[in-house]
Amino acid sequence: MKVAIHGASGFTGRLAVAEVRRRGFTPVLVGRSEERLRSVADGSEAVRVAGLDEPEALADAFGDCAVVINCAGPFTVLGEPVIRAAIAAGAHYLDTTGEQHYIKRVLDGVGEEAVRAGVTVVPAMADDGGPGDMIAHLVAEQVRAAGVAEVLIADLRGRGAASRGTARSMAAVFEQGPLAYTDGQWHPAAVDGGTGGDVNPAPATVPGEEGGVPVAVFALPGVVTIPRHVRARRVRSVVRTEVAAMFSALRPEVVDSVPEIPDEAARLASRWLMLAEATGEDGKRARGWVTGLDGYGMTAVIAVEGARRLVADGAPAGALTPAQAFDPASFLDHLTAHGVTWQVTPA
């Protein structure tokens, strides 16, 4: 199976290339700089140079590939030409974005085009968007019989190693502001004032930690993915207050000072954790979580396994969330071989 990695010379792209090799698939390295791409290639791998302003060349670069994994962000600026080129080439598409507004734009905007081409487009296949969407689906199933009143999705990792690419993407996310979902509509989440419970959310209970953890409203992928497969009246998202403060401080001059590649020891030791809580219309509650080490390495695992499943197992054509494209429990079970743990329990 040929897998095109767009942005293969970037930090996340290199990890994805390594994971494609580990799985025994054939990587095709695509990007804008031949010199950088050849620094990643092992000598026998295809290197294809195409810019985002060259749609035909980009589609040609993907032409003999079964699936495209896009690792080049910020996706709000750079993502859509790659999707269009993958669809034009007849290739399935996944990406590693965590940018909430971009994900919504993709899910709202490219579905019909993907259906006509007979391909599947799945954004947000990273350590936050993929496992978060899947664990939320499984938690909501626990209260679905009476109707789902609310789903809360929380990224509860602490401050840790971050790449320059992540800093750029999160700066864009913070600038756009978070969304919430209420009664069938997405709307700006109230952060500095307003009603509806978006302000000063209750502290979160984190597995393995004592006491409540202060959290703040933040733009996570789950707010725009979960309502597409869970009929909930309300969906909102939070992160640790300290993490929200860190991202709010990401001015352009700060982003440029962040290392392109984070410290490897810190990266390998950093823990990520996605928690979901669902409340039924009858007041019944359930919660679940999924956690592991090395979010960047796990993002590569998630994206490549998703690519394999799209080709080997298939999924409906169109623009889908991770939980729509893949069986959530089966996918999370696959990740346990990489040190991930997950569970769903009544609250």
Protein backbone atom coordinates (compact mmCIF):
# COMPACT_ATOMS: atom_id res chain seq x y z
CA MET A 1 0.00 0.00 0.00
CA LYS A 2 1.38 3.38 -1.04
CA VAL A 3 0.82 6.13 1.51
CA ALA A 4 1.53 9.74 0.54
CA ILE A 5 2.84 11.83 3.44
CA HIS A 6 2.33 15.51 2.71
CA GLY A 7 4.65 17.63 4.81
CA ALA A 8 6.97 14.62 5.17
CA SER A 9 10.00 16.74 6.07
CA GLY A 10 8.31 18.41 9.05
CA PHE A 11 8.47 17.10 12.60
CA THR A 12 5.14 15.23 12.60
CA GLY A 13 5.65 14.23 8.97
CA ARG A 14 8.94 12.50 9.80
CA LEU A 15 7.24 10.54 12.57
CA ALA A 16 4.48 9.52 10.16
CA VAL A 17 7.03 8.38 7.56
CA ALA A 18 8.78 6.27 10.20
CA GLU A 19 5.47 4.69 11.23
CA VAL A 20 4.54 3.92 7.61
CA ARG A 21 7.87 2.14 7.25
CA ARG A 22 7.40 0.27 10.52
CA ARG A 23 4.03 -1.02 9.33
CA GLY A 24 5.60 -2.32 6.11
CA PHE A 25 3.82 0.14 3.79
CA THR A 26 5.45 2.25 1.08
CA PRO A 27 5.80 5.97 1.88
CA VAL A 28 5.69 8.60 -0.84
CA LEU A 29 7.22 11.84 0.42
CA VAL A 30 5.47 15.01 -0.78
CA GLY A 31 6.21 18.64 -0.01
CA ARG A 32 7.61 21.92 -1.29
CA SER A 33 11.35 21.42 -0.73
CA GLU A 34 13.18 18.63 -2.55
CA GLU A 35 16.24 19.11 -0.36
CA ARG A 36 14.27 18.67 2.86
CA LEU A 37 12.32 15.73 1.50
CA ARG A 38 15.49 13.91 0.42
CA SER A 39 16.89 14.37 3.91
CA VAL A 40 14.03 12.15 5.11
CA ALA A 41 13.93 9.59 2.27
CA ASP A 42 15.90 6.37 2.66
CA GLY A 43 17.21 6.48 -0.91
CA SER A 44 14.65 4.20 -2.56
CA GLU A 45 11.51 6.09 -1.57
CA ALA A 46 9.68 8.37 -3.98
CA VAL A 47 10.18 12.10 -3.44
CA ARG A 48 7.65 14.37 -5.14
CA VAL A 49 7.81 18.16 -5.05
CA ALA A 50 4.60 20.17 -5.44
CA GLY A 51 3.46 23.49 -4.03
CA LEU A 52 0.04 24.32 -2.68
CA ASP A 53 -0.39 26.74 -5.60
CA GLU A 54 0.10 23.86 -8.06
CA PRO A 55 -3.12 21.83 -7.77
CA GLU A 56 -2.46 19.63 -10.80
CA ALA A 57 1.09 18.84 -9.71
CA LEU A 58 -0.11 18.08 -6.20
CA ALA A 59 -2.83 15.75 -7.50
CA ASP A 60 -0.26 14.05 -9.74
CA ALA A 61 1.99 13.54 -6.71
CA PHE A 62 -0.84 11.62 -5.04
CA GLY A 63 -1.98 9.85 -8.20
CA ASP A 64 -0.74 6.31 -7.50
CA CYS A 65 -1.29 6.44 -3.73
CA ALA A 66 -4.20 4.79 -1.96
CA VAL A 67 -4.32 7.36 0.82
CA VAL A 68 -2.86 10.75 1.77
CA ILE A 69 -1.81 11.71 5.29
CA ASN A 70 -1.41 15.48 5.60
CA CYS A 71 0.94 16.60 8.39
CA ALA A 72 1.63 20.18 7.25
CA GLY A 73 0.02 22.91 9.33
CA PRO A 74 -1.26 25.33 10.28
CA PHE A 75 -4.09 23.63 8.43
CA THR A 76 -6.31 26.70 8.53
CA VAL A 77 -3.87 28.24 6.05
CA LEU A 78 -2.35 25.22 4.31
CA GLY A 79 -4.85 22.38 4.51
CA GLU A 80 -7.60 22.70 1.93
CA PRO A 81 -5.46 22.56 -1.25
CA VAL A 82 -4.14 19.19 -0.10
CA ILE A 83 -7.66 17.85 0.45
CA ARG A 84 -8.77 19.02 -2.97
CA ALA A 85 -5.72 17.42 -4.58
CA ALA A 86 -6.29 14.11 -2.78
CA ILE A 87 -9.92 14.05 -3.91
CA ALA A 88 -8.88 14.90 -7.47
CA ALA A 89 -6.40 12.00 -7.36
CA GLY A 90 -9.04 9.58 -6.07
CA ALA A 91 -7.14 9.00 -2.83
CA HIS A 92 -8.53 8.78 0.69
CA TYR A 93 -7.39 11.59 2.98
CA LEU A 94 -6.56 11.99 6.68
CA ASP A 95 -4.79 14.74 8.56
CA THR A 96 -3.35 15.46 11.99
CA THR A 97 -4.99 18.81 12.64
CA GLY A 98 -6.42 19.92 15.96
CA GLU A 99 -7.73 23.25 14.61
CA GLN A 100 -11.41 23.42 15.52
CA HIS A 101 -12.70 25.92 12.96
CA TYR A 102 -10.76 24.26 10.15
CA ILE A 103 -12.15 20.83 11.03
CA LYS A 104 -15.68 22.22 10.93
CA ARG A 105 -15.01 23.82 7.55
CA VAL A 106 -13.76 20.52 6.14
CA LEU A 107 -16.65 18.46 7.51
CA ASP A 108 -19.18 21.02 6.26
CA GLY A 109 -17.56 21.75 2.93
CA VAL A 110 -15.97 18.79 1.13
CA GLY A 111 -18.36 15.92 1.76
CA GLU A 112 -20.26 16.05 -1.52
CA GLU A 113 -17.06 16.35 -3.53
CA ALA A 114 -15.58 13.35 -1.70
CA VAL A 115 -18.73 11.30 -2.30
CA ARG A 116 -18.58 12.01 -6.03
CA ALA A 117 -14.95 10.86 -6.07
CA GLY A 118 -15.71 7.78 -3.98
CA VAL A 119 -13.16 8.67 -1.28
CA THR A 120 -13.23 9.29 2.45
CA VAL A 121 -11.91 12.45 4.10
CA VAL A 122 -11.15 12.23 7.84
CA PRO A 123 -9.64 15.28 9.55
CA ALA A 124 -8.44 15.37 13.18
CA MET A 125 -6.67 11.99 13.29
CA ALA A 126 -4.28 13.08 16.03
CA ASP A 127 -3.92 12.24 19.71
CA ASP A 128 -6.65 14.71 20.70
CA GLY A 129 -9.22 14.65 17.91
CA GLY A 130 -9.16 10.92 17.15
CA PRO A 131 -9.28 9.34 20.62
CA GLY A 132 -11.39 12.24 21.93
CA ASP A 133 -14.09 11.72 19.30
CA MET A 134 -14.07 7.95 19.83
CA ILE A 135 -14.20 7.95 23.64
CA ALA A 136 -16.99 10.55 23.57
CA HIS A 137 -19.05 8.30 21.30
CA LEU A 138 -18.62 5.32 23.61
CA VAL A 139 -19.46 7.37 26.71
CA ALA A 140 -22.57 8.87 25.12
CA GLU A 141 -23.79 5.37 24.27
CA GLN A 142 -24.11 4.74 28.01
CA VAL A 143 -26.82 7.39 28.41
CA ARG A 144 -28.32 7.39 24.92
CA ALA A 145 -31.54 5.55 25.82
CA ALA A 146 -33.00 8.57 27.62
CA GLY A 147 -31.46 11.10 25.23
CA VAL A 148 -28.13 12.87 25.65
CA ALA A 149 -28.37 16.22 27.37
CA GLU A 150 -24.68 17.14 27.35
CA VAL A 151 -21.23 15.91 26.39
CA LEU A 152 -18.11 17.47 27.83
CA ILE A 153 -14.79 16.69 26.15
CA ALA A 154 -11.60 17.61 28.00
CA ASP A 155 -7.94 17.50 26.99
CA LEU A 156 -6.26 17.14 30.37
CA ARG A 157 -2.60 16.83 29.46
CA GLY A 158 -0.27 19.15 31.34
CA ARG A 159 2.20 21.62 29.94
CA GLY A 160 4.83 19.69 28.04
CA ALA A 161 7.06 19.52 25.01
CA ALA A 162 5.51 21.23 21.97
CA SER A 163 6.81 21.72 18.46
CA ARG A 164 6.84 25.00 16.56
CA GLY A 165 4.16 23.58 14.27
CA THR A 166 1.88 22.91 17.22
CA ALA A 167 2.55 26.40 18.56
CA ARG A 168 1.57 27.93 15.21
CA SER A 169 -1.61 25.87 14.98
CA MET A 170 -2.67 26.60 18.55
CA ALA A 171 -2.00 30.31 18.10
CA ALA A 172 -4.43 30.21 15.18
CA VAL A 173 -6.94 28.26 17.26
CA PHE A 174 -6.78 30.75 20.12
CA GLU A 175 -7.14 33.73 17.79
CA GLN A 176 -10.31 32.30 16.23
CA GLY A 177 -11.92 31.60 19.59
CA PRO A 178 -13.72 28.45 20.80
CA LEU A 179 -17.07 27.14 19.67
CA ALA A 180 -19.75 25.41 21.70
CA TYR A 181 -22.77 23.45 20.43
CA THR A 182 -26.29 24.01 21.74
CA ASP A 183 -29.63 22.74 20.40
CA GLY A 184 -28.42 21.96 16.91
CA GLN A 185 -26.27 25.05 16.41
CA TRP A 186 -22.59 25.87 16.78
CA HIS A 187 -21.92 29.27 18.33
CA PRO A 188 -19.03 31.15 19.95
CA ALA A 189 -18.43 29.80 23.44
CA ALA A 190 -18.75 32.36 26.21
CA VAL A 191 -15.27 32.78 27.69
CA ASP A 192 -15.18 36.19 29.36
CA GLY A 193 -18.87 36.49 30.15
CA GLY A 194 -22.29 35.31 29.14
CA THR A 195 -24.57 32.46 30.10
CA GLY A 196 -24.95 28.78 29.45
CA GLY A 197 -22.21 27.46 31.70
CA ASP A 198 -19.26 28.09 29.37
CA VAL A 199 -17.59 30.43 31.87
CA ASN A 200 -15.60 29.08 34.81
CA PRO A 201 -16.42 25.40 34.31
CA ALA A 202 -16.22 23.11 37.34
CA PRO A 203 -12.82 21.53 38.08
CA ALA A 204 -12.25 18.22 36.35
CA THR A 205 -11.54 14.94 38.11
CA VAL A 206 -8.47 13.45 36.44
CA PRO A 207 -7.66 9.74 36.76
CA GLY A 208 -4.55 9.32 38.91
CA GLU A 209 -4.63 12.83 40.37
CA GLU A 210 -6.02 13.98 43.69
CA GLY A 211 -8.52 16.79 43.89
CA GLY A 212 -10.16 18.74 41.10
CA VAL A 213 -8.11 20.22 38.28
CA PRO A 214 -9.00 23.79 37.23
CA VAL A 215 -10.09 23.92 33.59
CA ALA A 216 -10.93 26.62 31.06
CA VAL A 217 -13.00 26.69 27.89
CA PHE A 218 -10.85 25.92 24.84
CA ALA A 219 -11.39 25.10 21.17
CA LEU A 220 -11.03 21.31 20.91
CA PRO A 221 -11.92 19.20 17.85
CA GLY A 222 -14.65 17.31 19.70
CA VAL A 223 -17.07 20.23 19.73
CA VAL A 224 -17.34 20.08 15.93
CA THR A 225 -17.01 16.29 15.53
CA ILE A 226 -19.11 14.79 18.34
CA PRO A 227 -22.51 16.33 17.36
CA ARG A 228 -22.26 14.60 13.99
CA HIS A 229 -22.68 11.15 15.56
CA VAL A 230 -24.10 11.90 19.02
CA ARG A 231 -27.53 13.56 19.28
CA ALA A 232 -26.71 15.78 22.24
CA ARG A 233 -28.37 19.05 23.16
CA ARG A 234 -25.03 20.51 24.22
CA VAL A 235 -21.32 19.81 23.58
CA ARG A 236 -18.49 21.84 25.08
CA SER A 237 -14.75 21.47 25.58
CA VAL A 238 -12.11 22.43 28.13
CA VAL A 239 -8.39 22.11 28.88
CA ARG A 240 -6.34 22.68 32.01
CA THR A 241 -6.32 26.36 32.91
CA GLU A 242 -2.51 26.45 32.82
CA VAL A 243 -2.46 25.04 29.29
CA ALA A 244 -5.06 27.54 28.09
CA ALA A 245 -2.92 30.34 29.54
CA MET A 246 0.15 28.99 27.76
CA PHE A 247 -1.57 29.00 24.37
CA SER A 248 -3.07 32.44 24.95
CA ALA A 249 0.48 33.80 25.27
CA LEU A 250 1.55 32.53 21.82
CA ARG A 251 2.27 35.78 20.01
CA PRO A 252 4.12 35.52 16.65
CA GLU A 253 7.49 36.36 18.18
CA VAL A 254 6.96 33.66 20.82
CA VAL A 255 5.95 31.05 18.22
CA ASP A 256 9.10 31.70 16.21
CA SER A 257 11.23 31.00 19.28
CA VAL A 258 9.72 27.55 19.86
CA PRO A 259 12.06 24.76 18.62
CA GLU A 260 10.91 23.01 15.46
CA ILE A 261 11.61 19.66 17.14
CA PRO A 262 10.88 19.36 20.88
CA ASP A 263 13.26 17.70 23.30
CA GLU A 264 12.98 13.97 22.64
CA ALA A 265 13.21 12.82 26.26
CA ALA A 266 10.50 15.27 27.31
CA ARG A 267 8.34 14.25 24.37
CA LEU A 268 8.59 10.54 25.08
CA ALA A 269 7.76 11.06 28.76
CA SER A 270 4.83 13.45 28.28
CA ARG A 271 1.37 12.02 28.98
CA TRP A 272 -1.79 12.94 27.09
CA LEU A 273 -5.30 12.26 28.37
CA MET A 274 -8.68 12.79 26.76
CA LEU A 275 -11.70 12.60 29.06
CA ALA A 276 -15.38 12.58 28.10
CA GLU A 277 -18.42 12.96 30.33
CA ALA A 278 -22.00 12.50 29.15
CA THR A 279 -25.22 13.38 30.96
CA GLY A 280 -28.56 11.90 29.94
CA GLU A 281 -31.87 13.71 29.94
CA ASP A 282 -32.79 11.54 32.94
CA GLY A 283 -29.75 12.74 34.87
CA LYS A 284 -27.79 9.52 34.39
CA ARG A 285 -24.09 10.20 33.85
CA ALA A 286 -21.16 8.30 32.39
CA ARG A 287 -17.51 9.12 31.86
CA GLY A 288 -14.54 7.64 30.09
CA TRP A 289 -10.95 8.41 29.30
CA VAL A 290 -8.12 7.40 27.03
CA THR A 291 -4.48 8.13 27.81
CA GLY A 292 -0.92 7.33 26.78
CA LEU A 293 2.59 8.70 26.43
CA ASP A 294 4.24 10.66 23.61
CA GLY A 295 1.34 12.40 21.90
CA TYR A 296 3.37 13.15 18.78
CA GLY A 297 4.45 9.54 18.33
CA MET A 298 0.88 8.40 19.01
CA THR A 299 -0.45 10.84 16.41
CA ALA A 300 1.68 9.05 13.80
CA VAL A 301 0.35 5.68 14.96
CA ILE A 302 -3.26 6.94 14.85
CA ALA A 303 -2.93 8.47 11.39
CA VAL A 304 -1.23 5.45 9.82
CA GLU A 305 -3.64 2.95 11.37
CA GLY A 306 -6.50 5.10 10.12
CA ALA A 307 -4.97 5.07 6.64
CA ARG A 308 -4.66 1.28 6.76
CA ARG A 309 -8.27 0.86 7.81
CA LEU A 310 -9.60 3.19 5.12
CA VAL A 311 -7.88 1.10 2.45
CA ALA A 312 -8.29 -2.38 3.94
CA ASP A 313 -11.68 -2.13 5.62
CA GLY A 314 -13.33 0.79 3.83
CA ALA A 315 -15.60 3.53 5.13
CA PRO A 316 -18.48 5.47 3.61
CA ALA A 317 -17.39 8.03 1.04
CA GLY A 318 -17.61 11.62 2.23
CA ALA A 319 -16.22 13.79 5.01
CA LEU A 320 -16.37 11.89 8.30
CA THR A 321 -15.24 12.31 11.87
CA PRO A 322 -12.90 9.68 13.34
CA ALA A 323 -15.77 7.97 15.20
CA GLN A 324 -17.85 7.86 12.01
CA ALA A 325 -15.05 6.44 9.88
CA PHE A 326 -13.83 3.77 12.32
CA ASP A 327 -15.31 1.52 14.97
CA PRO A 328 -14.34 3.41 18.16
CA ALA A 329 -13.80 0.46 20.51
CA SER A 330 -11.85 -1.53 17.93
CA PHE A 331 -9.62 1.44 17.13
CA LEU A 332 -8.90 2.24 20.78
CA ASP A 333 -8.18 -1.43 21.44
CA HIS A 334 -5.58 -1.31 18.67
CA LEU A 335 -3.82 1.55 20.43
CA THR A 336 -3.39 -0.50 23.62
CA ALA A 337 -0.52 -2.32 21.92
CA HIS A 338 1.27 1.06 22.02
CA GLY A 339 0.79 1.64 25.74
CA VAL A 340 -2.58 3.39 25.54
CA THR A 341 -5.22 2.61 28.15
CA TRP A 342 -8.90 3.44 27.98
CA GLN A 343 -12.11 2.75 29.84
CA VAL A 344 -15.76 3.79 30.01
CA THR A 345 -17.69 3.66 33.28
CA PRO A 346 -20.89 5.08 34.75
CA ALA A 347 -20.09 8.27 36.70
